[in-house]
């Protein structure tokens, strides 16, 4: 009898475990998801999403050397009007140092320029901090990758 009761308890417990178990994302996974979300939000002009990601003291150094702040970045989102066919972030590397993280990735862009197919790649280095329990980006730098 005891074996039967024990076996019944094991089966009930084993069936319940998947409902209680939740996969916890690592900081690296969260940061990559935030970077991908930022990219997608940019092209759909979701200013509210990006505004939440950027710290008030956010500073960007753009591929042409210009420097911008949070207001500049949000204005770029609003004004964006390029014909981008695809924007694929890839080759992610993430390093977390307690409450600070650095994310490196490549953004591959395909679109139309003067009616012709155009491709370019940008390499990004973004610095994130944890503030109020969530990751916020404080700095972003993009560098245009030379075409071969």
N, C-alpha and C. Protein backbone atom coordinates (compact mmCIF):
# COMPACT_ATOMS: atom_id res chain seq x y z
N UNK A 1 0.81 -1.19 0.00
CA UNK A 1 0.00 0.00 0.00
C UNK A 1 0.86 1.27 0.00
N UNK A 2 1.87 1.30 0.80
CA UNK A 2 2.71 2.49 0.88
C UNK A 2 3.38 2.78 -0.46
N UNK A 3 3.81 1.78 -1.15
CA UNK A 3 4.45 1.97 -2.45
C UNK A 3 3.46 2.59 -3.42
N UNK A 4 2.23 2.15 -3.39
CA UNK A 4 1.20 2.71 -4.27
C UNK A 4 0.93 4.17 -3.95
N UNK A 5 0.84 4.50 -2.66
CA UNK A 5 0.62 5.89 -2.26
C UNK A 5 1.82 6.76 -2.65
N UNK A 6 3.01 6.23 -2.44
CA UNK A 6 4.24 6.96 -2.78
C UNK A 6 4.30 7.21 -4.28
N UNK A 7 4.00 6.20 -5.07
CA UNK A 7 4.02 6.32 -6.53
C UNK A 7 2.98 7.34 -6.99
N UNK A 8 1.83 7.35 -6.37
CA UNK A 8 0.78 8.33 -6.71
C UNK A 8 1.26 9.74 -6.42
N UNK A 9 1.92 9.93 -5.26
CA UNK A 9 2.44 11.26 -4.91
C UNK A 9 3.50 11.71 -5.89
N UNK A 10 4.38 10.81 -6.30
CA UNK A 10 5.44 11.15 -7.25
C UNK A 10 4.83 11.58 -8.57
N UNK A 11 3.82 10.87 -9.04
CA UNK A 11 3.18 11.20 -10.31
C UNK A 11 2.49 12.56 -10.22
N UNK A 12 1.78 12.82 -9.14
CA UNK A 12 1.10 14.11 -8.97
C UNK A 12 2.12 15.24 -8.91
N UNK A 13 3.22 15.05 -8.17
CA UNK A 13 4.26 16.07 -8.06
C UNK A 13 4.91 16.32 -9.42
N UNK A 14 5.24 15.26 -10.12
CA UNK A 14 5.89 15.40 -11.43
C UNK A 14 5.00 16.13 -12.42
N UNK A 15 3.72 15.91 -12.35
CA UNK A 15 2.79 16.59 -13.25
C UNK A 15 2.65 18.07 -12.88
N UNK A 16 2.81 18.39 -11.61
CA UNK A 16 2.64 19.78 -11.16
C UNK A 16 3.88 20.63 -11.39
N UNK A 17 5.04 20.03 -11.45
CA UNK A 17 6.29 20.80 -11.56
C UNK A 17 6.30 21.72 -12.77
N UNK A 18 5.94 21.28 -13.98
CA UNK A 18 5.98 22.22 -15.12
C UNK A 18 5.10 23.44 -14.95
N UNK A 19 4.00 23.33 -14.21
CA UNK A 19 3.14 24.50 -14.04
C UNK A 19 3.75 25.51 -13.07
N UNK A 20 4.57 25.02 -12.14
CA UNK A 20 5.18 25.92 -11.17
C UNK A 20 6.53 26.45 -11.63
N UNK A 21 7.21 25.67 -12.44
CA UNK A 21 8.55 26.07 -12.88
C UNK A 21 8.45 27.15 -13.95
N UNK A 22 9.17 28.21 -13.73
CA UNK A 22 9.25 29.27 -14.73
C UNK A 22 10.71 29.49 -15.05
N UNK A 23 10.98 29.66 -16.31
CA UNK A 23 12.36 29.88 -16.74
C UNK A 23 12.75 31.31 -16.41
N UNK A 24 13.82 31.47 -15.70
CA UNK A 24 14.33 32.79 -15.34
C UNK A 24 15.36 33.18 -16.40
N UNK A 25 15.17 34.36 -16.98
CA UNK A 25 16.11 34.84 -17.98
C UNK A 25 17.36 35.39 -17.32
N UNK A 26 18.50 35.14 -17.94
CA UNK A 26 19.75 35.71 -17.46
C UNK A 26 19.78 37.19 -17.84
N UNK A 27 20.66 37.93 -17.20
CA UNK A 27 20.83 39.35 -17.56
C UNK A 27 21.21 39.48 -19.03
N UNK A 28 22.05 38.56 -19.52
CA UNK A 28 22.46 38.61 -20.92
C UNK A 28 21.25 38.47 -21.85
N UNK A 29 20.37 37.52 -21.54
CA UNK A 29 19.17 37.32 -22.36
C UNK A 29 18.26 38.54 -22.31
N UNK A 30 18.11 39.12 -21.13
CA UNK A 30 17.27 40.31 -20.98
C UNK A 30 17.83 41.46 -21.80
N UNK A 31 19.14 41.67 -21.72
CA UNK A 31 19.76 42.79 -22.44
C UNK A 31 19.67 42.60 -23.96
N UNK A 32 19.86 41.40 -24.43
CA UNK A 32 19.72 41.14 -25.87
C UNK A 32 18.28 41.39 -26.30
N UNK A 33 17.32 40.97 -25.49
CA UNK A 33 15.92 41.22 -25.81
C UNK A 33 15.62 42.72 -25.82
N UNK A 34 16.20 43.48 -24.89
CA UNK A 34 16.00 44.93 -24.87
C UNK A 34 16.60 45.57 -26.12
N UNK A 35 17.79 45.12 -26.52
CA UNK A 35 18.42 45.66 -27.74
C UNK A 35 17.55 45.36 -28.97
N UNK A 36 17.07 44.13 -29.07
CA UNK A 36 16.20 43.77 -30.20
C UNK A 36 14.90 44.59 -30.18
N UNK A 37 14.35 44.76 -28.97
CA UNK A 37 13.13 45.55 -28.83
C UNK A 37 13.34 47.00 -29.22
N UNK A 38 14.48 47.56 -28.83
CA UNK A 38 14.83 48.93 -29.18
C UNK A 38 14.90 49.07 -30.70
N UNK A 39 15.55 48.13 -31.36
CA UNK A 39 15.66 48.15 -32.82
C UNK A 39 14.28 48.10 -33.47
N UNK A 40 13.44 47.18 -33.03
CA UNK A 40 12.09 47.05 -33.60
C UNK A 40 11.26 48.31 -33.32
N UNK A 41 11.38 48.84 -32.11
CA UNK A 41 10.62 50.04 -31.75
C UNK A 41 11.04 51.24 -32.60
N UNK A 42 12.32 51.32 -32.92
CA UNK A 42 12.81 52.43 -33.75
C UNK A 42 12.09 52.45 -35.09
N UNK A 43 11.99 51.31 -35.74
CA UNK A 43 11.40 51.26 -37.08
C UNK A 43 9.88 51.36 -37.09
N UNK A 44 9.25 51.09 -35.95
CA UNK A 44 7.79 51.31 -35.88
C UNK A 44 7.45 52.62 -35.17
N UNK A 45 8.51 53.40 -34.88
CA UNK A 45 8.39 54.73 -34.27
C UNK A 45 7.68 54.69 -32.90
N UNK A 46 8.05 53.71 -32.11
CA UNK A 46 7.47 53.55 -30.77
C UNK A 46 8.32 54.34 -29.76
N UNK A 47 8.09 55.63 -29.73
CA UNK A 47 8.86 56.54 -28.87
C UNK A 47 8.70 56.17 -27.40
N UNK A 48 7.51 55.79 -26.98
CA UNK A 48 7.26 55.46 -25.57
C UNK A 48 8.13 54.30 -25.11
N UNK A 49 8.27 53.27 -25.95
CA UNK A 49 9.10 52.12 -25.59
C UNK A 49 10.55 52.55 -25.42
N UNK A 50 11.06 53.30 -26.37
CA UNK A 50 12.47 53.71 -26.33
C UNK A 50 12.71 54.68 -25.17
N UNK A 51 11.77 55.55 -24.92
CA UNK A 51 11.91 56.51 -23.82
C UNK A 51 12.13 55.80 -22.49
N UNK A 52 11.46 54.66 -22.28
CA UNK A 52 11.62 53.90 -21.04
C UNK A 52 13.00 53.24 -20.95
N UNK A 53 13.58 52.89 -22.10
CA UNK A 53 14.89 52.23 -22.11
C UNK A 53 16.04 53.18 -21.80
N UNK A 54 15.89 54.43 -22.21
CA UNK A 54 17.00 55.38 -22.12
C UNK A 54 16.99 56.11 -20.78
N UNK A 55 18.16 56.15 -20.15
CA UNK A 55 18.32 56.92 -18.91
C UNK A 55 18.24 58.40 -19.25
N UNK A 56 17.91 59.21 -18.26
CA UNK A 56 17.82 60.66 -18.49
C UNK A 56 19.14 61.23 -18.98
N UNK A 57 20.27 60.68 -18.50
CA UNK A 57 21.58 61.19 -18.88
C UNK A 57 22.15 60.49 -20.12
N UNK A 58 21.32 59.77 -20.87
CA UNK A 58 21.75 59.04 -22.06
C UNK A 58 22.54 59.94 -23.03
N UNK A 59 23.64 59.38 -23.55
CA UNK A 59 24.45 60.06 -24.55
C UNK A 59 24.75 59.06 -25.67
N UNK A 60 24.54 59.50 -26.91
CA UNK A 60 24.86 58.66 -28.07
C UNK A 60 25.95 59.33 -28.89
N UNK A 61 26.86 58.52 -29.40
CA UNK A 61 27.82 58.98 -30.39
C UNK A 61 27.46 58.24 -31.67
N UNK A 62 27.02 58.99 -32.67
CA UNK A 62 26.53 58.40 -33.91
C UNK A 62 27.67 58.10 -34.87
N UNK A 63 27.38 57.30 -35.89
CA UNK A 63 28.43 56.85 -36.82
C UNK A 63 29.10 57.98 -37.58
N UNK A 64 28.46 59.17 -37.63
CA UNK A 64 29.10 60.31 -38.30
C UNK A 64 29.85 61.21 -37.33
N UNK A 65 29.95 60.79 -36.06
CA UNK A 65 30.68 61.55 -35.06
C UNK A 65 29.84 62.51 -34.23
N UNK A 66 28.60 62.75 -34.65
CA UNK A 66 27.73 63.64 -33.87
C UNK A 66 27.42 63.01 -32.51
N UNK A 67 27.16 63.87 -31.55
CA UNK A 67 26.77 63.43 -30.21
C UNK A 67 25.34 63.88 -29.96
N UNK A 68 24.55 63.00 -29.34
CA UNK A 68 23.17 63.35 -29.03
C UNK A 68 22.79 62.89 -27.65
N UNK A 69 21.72 63.47 -27.13
CA UNK A 69 21.21 63.07 -25.82
C UNK A 69 19.89 62.32 -26.01
N UNK A 70 19.18 62.11 -24.92
CA UNK A 70 17.93 61.36 -24.98
C UNK A 70 16.93 62.06 -25.90
N UNK A 71 16.81 63.37 -25.79
CA UNK A 71 15.87 64.11 -26.64
C UNK A 71 16.23 63.97 -28.12
N UNK A 72 17.52 64.00 -28.43
CA UNK A 72 17.98 63.84 -29.81
C UNK A 72 17.60 62.47 -30.34
N UNK A 73 17.83 61.44 -29.53
CA UNK A 73 17.51 60.06 -29.95
C UNK A 73 16.02 59.90 -30.20
N UNK A 74 15.20 60.45 -29.33
CA UNK A 74 13.75 60.34 -29.50
C UNK A 74 13.27 61.13 -30.72
N UNK A 75 13.91 62.27 -30.98
CA UNK A 75 13.57 63.05 -32.18
C UNK A 75 13.93 62.28 -33.45
N UNK A 76 15.05 61.55 -33.42
CA UNK A 76 15.44 60.73 -34.58
C UNK A 76 14.41 59.63 -34.85
N UNK A 77 13.88 59.06 -33.79
CA UNK A 77 12.84 58.03 -33.94
C UNK A 77 11.62 58.63 -34.64
N UNK A 78 11.19 59.76 -34.16
CA UNK A 78 10.00 60.41 -34.71
C UNK A 78 10.19 60.81 -36.16
N UNK A 79 11.36 61.30 -36.51
CA UNK A 79 11.63 61.82 -37.86
C UNK A 79 12.05 60.75 -38.86
N UNK A 80 12.31 59.53 -38.43
CA UNK A 80 12.86 58.51 -39.32
C UNK A 80 11.92 58.24 -40.49
N UNK A 81 12.47 58.28 -41.71
CA UNK A 81 11.64 58.06 -42.90
C UNK A 81 12.39 57.30 -44.01
N UNK A 82 13.35 56.49 -43.66
CA UNK A 82 14.13 55.73 -44.63
C UNK A 82 13.37 54.47 -45.04
N UNK A 83 13.67 53.98 -46.24
CA UNK A 83 13.04 52.77 -46.76
C UNK A 83 13.90 51.56 -46.37
N UNK A 84 13.74 51.10 -45.13
CA UNK A 84 14.51 49.95 -44.63
C UNK A 84 13.69 48.69 -44.88
N UNK A 85 14.30 47.74 -45.58
CA UNK A 85 13.64 46.47 -45.84
C UNK A 85 13.90 45.47 -44.73
N UNK A 86 15.10 45.54 -44.16
CA UNK A 86 15.40 44.68 -43.00
C UNK A 86 16.49 45.34 -42.16
N UNK A 87 16.38 45.12 -40.88
CA UNK A 87 17.37 45.60 -39.91
C UNK A 87 17.58 44.46 -38.92
N UNK A 88 18.72 43.78 -39.04
CA UNK A 88 18.94 42.56 -38.27
C UNK A 88 20.10 42.74 -37.29
N UNK A 89 19.78 42.78 -35.99
CA UNK A 89 20.85 42.83 -35.00
C UNK A 89 21.38 41.41 -34.77
N UNK A 90 22.72 41.26 -34.77
CA UNK A 90 23.31 39.93 -34.61
C UNK A 90 24.70 40.05 -34.00
N UNK A 91 25.35 38.92 -33.81
CA UNK A 91 26.70 38.87 -33.25
C UNK A 91 26.77 39.58 -31.89
N UNK A 92 25.87 39.23 -31.01
CA UNK A 92 25.83 39.86 -29.68
C UNK A 92 26.93 39.32 -28.78
N UNK A 93 27.50 40.23 -28.00
CA UNK A 93 28.38 39.88 -26.89
C UNK A 93 27.94 40.75 -25.72
N UNK A 94 27.77 40.15 -24.57
CA UNK A 94 27.28 40.87 -23.39
C UNK A 94 28.19 40.56 -22.21
N UNK A 95 28.60 41.59 -21.52
CA UNK A 95 29.37 41.44 -20.29
C UNK A 95 28.65 42.21 -19.19
N UNK A 96 28.39 41.53 -18.09
CA UNK A 96 27.70 42.15 -16.95
C UNK A 96 28.70 42.30 -15.81
N UNK A 97 28.75 43.51 -15.25
CA UNK A 97 29.62 43.84 -14.13
C UNK A 97 28.74 44.38 -13.01
N UNK A 98 28.17 43.49 -12.23
CA UNK A 98 27.22 43.81 -11.16
C UNK A 98 26.01 44.56 -11.71
N UNK A 99 25.94 45.87 -11.47
CA UNK A 99 24.76 46.63 -11.92
C UNK A 99 25.02 47.41 -13.22
N UNK A 100 26.09 47.06 -13.92
CA UNK A 100 26.44 47.69 -15.19
C UNK A 100 26.70 46.60 -16.22
N UNK A 101 26.36 46.87 -17.46
CA UNK A 101 26.61 45.90 -18.53
C UNK A 101 27.02 46.62 -19.80
N UNK A 102 27.82 45.94 -20.60
CA UNK A 102 28.20 46.44 -21.92
C UNK A 102 27.70 45.42 -22.94
N UNK A 103 27.03 45.93 -23.97
CA UNK A 103 26.51 45.07 -25.04
C UNK A 103 27.14 45.51 -26.35
N UNK A 104 27.72 44.55 -27.06
CA UNK A 104 28.27 44.80 -28.39
C UNK A 104 27.45 43.99 -29.38
N UNK A 105 27.13 44.57 -30.54
CA UNK A 105 26.44 43.81 -31.58
C UNK A 105 26.61 44.51 -32.92
N UNK A 106 26.25 43.79 -33.97
CA UNK A 106 26.28 44.33 -35.32
C UNK A 106 24.85 44.43 -35.82
N UNK A 107 24.53 45.56 -36.45
CA UNK A 107 23.22 45.76 -37.06
C UNK A 107 23.40 45.77 -38.58
N UNK A 108 22.79 44.81 -39.23
CA UNK A 108 22.86 44.72 -40.70
C UNK A 108 21.59 45.31 -41.28
N UNK A 109 21.76 46.33 -42.12
CA UNK A 109 20.63 47.06 -42.72
C UNK A 109 20.57 46.81 -44.21
N UNK A 110 19.36 46.61 -44.71
CA UNK A 110 19.12 46.50 -46.15
C UNK A 110 17.95 47.42 -46.46
N UNK A 111 18.10 48.21 -47.52
CA UNK A 111 17.04 49.13 -47.89
C UNK A 111 17.25 49.68 -49.28
N UNK A 112 16.50 50.71 -49.58
CA UNK A 112 16.61 51.38 -50.87
C UNK A 112 17.21 52.77 -50.68
N UNK A 113 18.17 53.09 -51.54
CA UNK A 113 18.76 54.42 -51.55
C UNK A 113 18.83 54.85 -53.00
N UNK A 114 18.17 55.94 -53.30
CA UNK A 114 18.09 56.44 -54.68
C UNK A 114 17.56 55.36 -55.62
N UNK A 115 16.59 54.57 -55.13
CA UNK A 115 15.96 53.55 -55.95
C UNK A 115 16.76 52.27 -56.11
N UNK A 116 17.93 52.20 -55.52
CA UNK A 116 18.80 51.03 -55.62
C UNK A 116 18.91 50.32 -54.27
N UNK A 117 19.05 49.00 -54.33
CA UNK A 117 19.26 48.23 -53.11
C UNK A 117 20.58 48.67 -52.47
N UNK A 118 20.54 48.87 -51.18
CA UNK A 118 21.71 49.32 -50.44
C UNK A 118 21.84 48.49 -49.17
N UNK A 119 23.06 48.14 -48.83
CA UNK A 119 23.33 47.39 -47.60
C UNK A 119 24.41 48.10 -46.81
N UNK A 120 24.28 48.07 -45.52
CA UNK A 120 25.32 48.60 -44.65
C UNK A 120 25.26 47.89 -43.30
N UNK A 121 26.37 47.94 -42.59
CA UNK A 121 26.43 47.36 -41.25
C UNK A 121 26.97 48.41 -40.29
N UNK A 122 26.45 48.38 -39.09
CA UNK A 122 26.90 49.25 -38.01
C UNK A 122 27.26 48.37 -36.82
N UNK A 123 28.34 48.71 -36.15
CA UNK A 123 28.69 48.03 -34.91
C UNK A 123 28.33 48.96 -33.75
N UNK A 124 27.68 48.39 -32.76
CA UNK A 124 27.23 49.17 -31.60
C UNK A 124 27.94 48.72 -30.33
N UNK A 125 28.18 49.67 -29.46
CA UNK A 125 28.61 49.42 -28.09
C UNK A 125 27.66 50.21 -27.21
N UNK A 126 26.86 49.50 -26.44
CA UNK A 126 25.89 50.14 -25.55
C UNK A 126 26.21 49.82 -24.10
N UNK A 127 26.10 50.83 -23.24
CA UNK A 127 26.35 50.66 -21.81
C UNK A 127 25.02 50.79 -21.08
N UNK A 128 24.73 49.80 -20.25
CA UNK A 128 23.46 49.74 -19.50
C UNK A 128 23.76 49.72 -18.01
N UNK A 129 22.82 50.28 -17.23
CA UNK A 129 22.89 50.21 -15.77
C UNK A 129 21.54 49.74 -15.25
N UNK A 130 21.56 49.16 -14.06
CA UNK A 130 20.29 48.83 -13.40
C UNK A 130 19.89 50.01 -12.54
N UNK A 131 18.70 50.50 -12.78
CA UNK A 131 18.16 51.62 -12.00
C UNK A 131 16.70 51.32 -11.73
N UNK A 132 16.31 51.44 -10.48
CA UNK A 132 14.93 51.16 -10.07
C UNK A 132 14.49 49.76 -10.52
N UNK A 133 15.43 48.81 -10.45
CA UNK A 133 15.10 47.42 -10.73
C UNK A 133 15.01 47.04 -12.20
N UNK A 134 15.42 47.95 -13.09
CA UNK A 134 15.35 47.62 -14.53
C UNK A 134 16.58 48.17 -15.23
N UNK A 135 16.90 47.56 -16.36
CA UNK A 135 18.04 48.01 -17.16
C UNK A 135 17.69 49.26 -17.94
N UNK A 136 18.59 50.25 -17.91
CA UNK A 136 18.46 51.46 -18.72
C UNK A 136 19.77 51.73 -19.43
N UNK A 137 19.69 52.19 -20.66
CA UNK A 137 20.88 52.48 -21.44
C UNK A 137 21.34 53.90 -21.14
N UNK A 138 22.64 54.04 -20.80
CA UNK A 138 23.20 55.36 -20.52
C UNK A 138 24.09 55.87 -21.65
N UNK A 139 24.54 54.95 -22.52
CA UNK A 139 25.42 55.37 -23.60
C UNK A 139 25.34 54.39 -24.76
N UNK A 140 25.42 54.94 -25.97
CA UNK A 140 25.41 54.12 -27.17
C UNK A 140 26.38 54.74 -28.17
N UNK A 141 27.19 53.89 -28.79
CA UNK A 141 28.07 54.36 -29.85
C UNK A 141 27.93 53.43 -31.04
N UNK A 142 27.77 54.02 -32.23
CA UNK A 142 27.68 53.22 -33.45
C UNK A 142 28.84 53.59 -34.37
N UNK A 143 29.36 52.58 -35.03
CA UNK A 143 30.46 52.75 -35.98
C UNK A 143 30.08 52.05 -37.27
N UNK A 144 30.17 52.77 -38.37
CA UNK A 144 29.87 52.17 -39.68
C UNK A 144 30.99 51.22 -40.06
N UNK A 145 30.61 50.01 -40.50
CA UNK A 145 31.57 49.02 -40.94
C UNK A 145 31.85 49.25 -42.41
N UNK A 146 33.13 49.35 -42.75
CA UNK A 146 33.52 49.58 -44.15
C UNK A 146 33.08 48.41 -45.02
N UNK A 147 32.54 48.73 -46.20
CA UNK A 147 32.16 47.68 -47.15
C UNK A 147 33.39 47.11 -47.80
N UNK A 148 33.35 45.82 -48.07
CA UNK A 148 34.51 45.16 -48.69
C UNK A 148 34.29 44.97 -50.15
